[in-house]
Amino acid sequence: MSDWWGHLTGAIIVVMMVTFICIWAWAWSGRHRRTFSRMAELPMDDMAAPTVSTKIATRKSGA
């Protein structure tokens, strides 16, 4: 392989690493903490609001 191929792959790896670090920093920023905490609680929420499909099914069944 030639030298330019090694430089190209090295540059691509550096770009991928910088992209990963930027996405990681964005996800862990303080602005998103409330949203991620709320989304983490969703599976444990038993009193979830009924969806449109359950409202329609309830109305059709006469209940």
N, C-alpha and C. Protein backbone atom coordinates (compact mmCIF):
# COMPACT_ATOMS: atom_id res chain seq x y z
N MET A 1 0.84 -1.18 0.00
CA MET A 1 0.00 0.00 0.00
C MET A 1 0.89 1.24 0.00
N SER A 2 0.32 2.29 -0.49
CA SER A 2 1.10 3.52 -0.58
C SER A 2 0.93 4.37 0.68
N ASP A 3 1.77 5.40 0.78
CA ASP A 3 1.75 6.27 1.96
C ASP A 3 0.45 7.06 2.06
N TRP A 4 -0.12 7.46 0.93
CA TRP A 4 -1.33 8.28 1.00
C TRP A 4 -2.49 7.50 1.60
N TRP A 5 -2.52 6.18 1.39
CA TRP A 5 -3.59 5.37 1.95
C TRP A 5 -3.52 5.36 3.47
N GLY A 6 -2.33 5.27 4.02
CA GLY A 6 -2.15 5.31 5.47
C GLY A 6 -2.57 6.65 6.05
N HIS A 7 -2.23 7.74 5.36
CA HIS A 7 -2.64 9.07 5.83
C HIS A 7 -4.15 9.24 5.74
N LEU A 8 -4.75 8.71 4.69
CA LEU A 8 -6.19 8.81 4.52
C LEU A 8 -6.93 8.05 5.62
N THR A 9 -6.53 6.82 5.89
CA THR A 9 -7.19 6.05 6.94
C THR A 9 -6.97 6.68 8.31
N GLY A 10 -5.79 7.24 8.54
CA GLY A 10 -5.54 7.94 9.79
C GLY A 10 -6.44 9.15 9.96
N ALA A 11 -6.62 9.90 8.89
CA ALA A 11 -7.49 11.08 8.95
C ALA A 11 -8.94 10.68 9.18
N ILE A 12 -9.38 9.60 8.55
CA ILE A 12 -10.75 9.13 8.74
C ILE A 12 -10.96 8.69 10.19
N ILE A 13 -9.99 8.00 10.77
CA ILE A 13 -10.10 7.57 12.16
C ILE A 13 -10.17 8.77 13.09
N VAL A 14 -9.36 9.78 12.84
CA VAL A 14 -9.39 10.99 13.67
C VAL A 14 -10.75 11.67 13.58
N VAL A 15 -11.31 11.78 12.37
CA VAL A 15 -12.63 12.39 12.20
C VAL A 15 -13.69 11.58 12.94
N MET A 16 -13.61 10.26 12.85
CA MET A 16 -14.58 9.42 13.54
C MET A 16 -14.47 9.56 15.06
N MET A 17 -13.25 9.65 15.59
CA MET A 17 -13.05 9.82 17.02
C MET A 17 -13.59 11.17 17.49
N VAL A 18 -13.33 12.23 16.74
CA VAL A 18 -13.84 13.55 17.11
C VAL A 18 -15.36 13.57 17.06
N THR A 19 -15.95 12.93 16.05
CA THR A 19 -17.41 12.85 15.96
C THR A 19 -17.99 12.11 17.16
N PHE A 20 -17.40 11.00 17.53
CA PHE A 20 -17.85 10.23 18.68
C PHE A 20 -17.77 11.05 19.96
N ILE A 21 -16.67 11.74 20.17
CA ILE A 21 -16.51 12.54 21.38
C ILE A 21 -17.52 13.68 21.41
N CYS A 22 -17.80 14.30 20.27
CA CYS A 22 -18.80 15.38 20.22
C CYS A 22 -20.19 14.86 20.54
N ILE A 23 -20.57 13.71 19.99
CA ILE A 23 -21.88 13.13 20.28
C ILE A 23 -21.97 12.74 21.75
N TRP A 24 -20.92 12.18 22.30
CA TRP A 24 -20.88 11.81 23.71
C TRP A 24 -21.03 13.05 24.60
N ALA A 25 -20.33 14.11 24.30
CA ALA A 25 -20.42 15.34 25.08
C ALA A 25 -21.82 15.94 24.97
N TRP A 26 -22.42 15.90 23.79
CA TRP A 26 -23.77 16.42 23.60
C TRP A 26 -24.78 15.64 24.45
N ALA A 27 -24.65 14.31 24.45
CA ALA A 27 -25.59 13.47 25.19
C ALA A 27 -25.46 13.67 26.69
N TRP A 28 -24.28 13.93 27.19
CA TRP A 28 -24.06 14.09 28.62
C TRP A 28 -24.13 15.54 29.08
N SER A 29 -24.50 16.46 28.20
CA SER A 29 -24.59 17.86 28.62
C SER A 29 -25.77 18.03 29.58
N GLY A 30 -25.70 19.03 30.41
CA GLY A 30 -26.72 19.26 31.43
C GLY A 30 -28.09 19.60 30.86
N ARG A 31 -28.14 20.11 29.64
CA ARG A 31 -29.42 20.48 29.05
C ARG A 31 -30.33 19.29 28.85
N HIS A 32 -29.77 18.13 28.63
CA HIS A 32 -30.56 16.94 28.28
C HIS A 32 -30.88 16.06 29.48
N ARG A 33 -30.38 16.41 30.64
CA ARG A 33 -30.54 15.55 31.82
C ARG A 33 -32.02 15.34 32.16
N ARG A 34 -32.83 16.38 32.14
CA ARG A 34 -34.25 16.26 32.50
C ARG A 34 -34.99 15.38 31.48
N THR A 35 -34.71 15.57 30.21
CA THR A 35 -35.37 14.78 29.17
C THR A 35 -35.01 13.31 29.28
N PHE A 36 -33.72 13.02 29.46
CA PHE A 36 -33.28 11.63 29.56
C PHE A 36 -33.80 10.98 30.84
N SER A 37 -33.89 11.74 31.92
CA SER A 37 -34.44 11.18 33.16
C SER A 37 -35.91 10.84 32.99
N ARG A 38 -36.65 11.71 32.33
CA ARG A 38 -38.07 11.45 32.09
C ARG A 38 -38.25 10.23 31.18
N MET A 39 -37.43 10.11 30.16
CA MET A 39 -37.53 8.96 29.26
C MET A 39 -37.14 7.67 29.97
N ALA A 40 -36.20 7.74 30.93
CA ALA A 40 -35.80 6.55 31.67
C ALA A 40 -36.91 6.06 32.59
N GLU A 41 -37.78 6.97 33.03
CA GLU A 41 -38.88 6.60 33.92
C GLU A 41 -40.09 6.03 33.18
N LEU A 42 -40.16 6.18 31.87
CA LEU A 42 -41.34 5.75 31.12
C LEU A 42 -41.69 4.26 31.29
N PRO A 43 -40.73 3.34 31.28
CA PRO A 43 -41.12 1.92 31.43
C PRO A 43 -41.75 1.61 32.79
N MET A 44 -41.43 2.40 33.83
CA MET A 44 -41.97 2.15 35.14
C MET A 44 -43.28 2.89 35.40
N ASP A 45 -43.74 3.68 34.44
CA ASP A 45 -44.93 4.48 34.62
C ASP A 45 -46.17 3.65 34.30
N ASP A 46 -46.90 3.23 35.34
CA ASP A 46 -48.11 2.42 35.14
C ASP A 46 -49.31 3.26 34.74
N MET A 47 -49.29 4.51 35.05
CA MET A 47 -50.43 5.38 34.79
C MET A 47 -50.21 6.17 33.50
N ALA A 48 -49.76 5.51 32.47
CA ALA A 48 -49.52 6.18 31.19
C ALA A 48 -50.85 6.62 30.59
N ALA A 49 -50.82 7.73 29.90
CA ALA A 49 -52.03 8.25 29.25
C ALA A 49 -52.46 7.29 28.15
N PRO A 50 -53.76 7.08 27.98
CA PRO A 50 -54.23 6.18 26.93
C PRO A 50 -53.91 6.75 25.55
N THR A 51 -53.62 5.87 24.65
CA THR A 51 -53.30 6.30 23.29
C THR A 51 -54.58 6.46 22.49
N VAL A 52 -54.47 7.01 21.32
CA VAL A 52 -55.63 7.24 20.47
C VAL A 52 -56.29 5.92 20.09
N SER A 53 -55.49 4.89 19.81
CA SER A 53 -56.08 3.62 19.38
C SER A 53 -56.89 2.98 20.51
N THR A 54 -56.48 3.13 21.78
CA THR A 54 -57.27 2.54 22.86
C THR A 54 -58.55 3.33 23.09
N LYS A 55 -58.52 4.63 22.86
CA LYS A 55 -59.74 5.42 22.98
C LYS A 55 -60.75 5.03 21.91
N ILE A 56 -60.29 4.80 20.69
CA ILE A 56 -61.19 4.41 19.61
C ILE A 56 -61.75 3.02 19.87
N ALA A 57 -60.90 2.08 20.33
CA ALA A 57 -61.37 0.72 20.61
C ALA A 57 -62.39 0.72 21.73
N THR A 58 -62.20 1.57 22.75
CA THR A 58 -63.14 1.65 23.86
C THR A 58 -64.47 2.22 23.39
N ARG A 59 -64.41 3.22 22.53
CA ARG A 59 -65.63 3.84 22.03
C ARG A 59 -66.42 2.86 21.16
N LYS A 60 -65.75 2.06 20.34
CA LYS A 60 -66.43 1.10 19.47
C LYS A 60 -67.06 -0.04 20.26
N SER A 61 -66.43 -0.44 21.36
CA SER A 61 -66.96 -1.56 22.13
C SER A 61 -68.11 -1.15 23.03
N GLY A 62 -68.37 0.13 23.17
CA GLY A 62 -69.50 0.60 23.96
C GLY A 62 -69.22 0.74 25.42
N ALA A 63 -67.99 0.65 25.82
CA ALA A 63 -67.66 0.78 27.24
C ALA A 63 -67.52 2.21 27.65
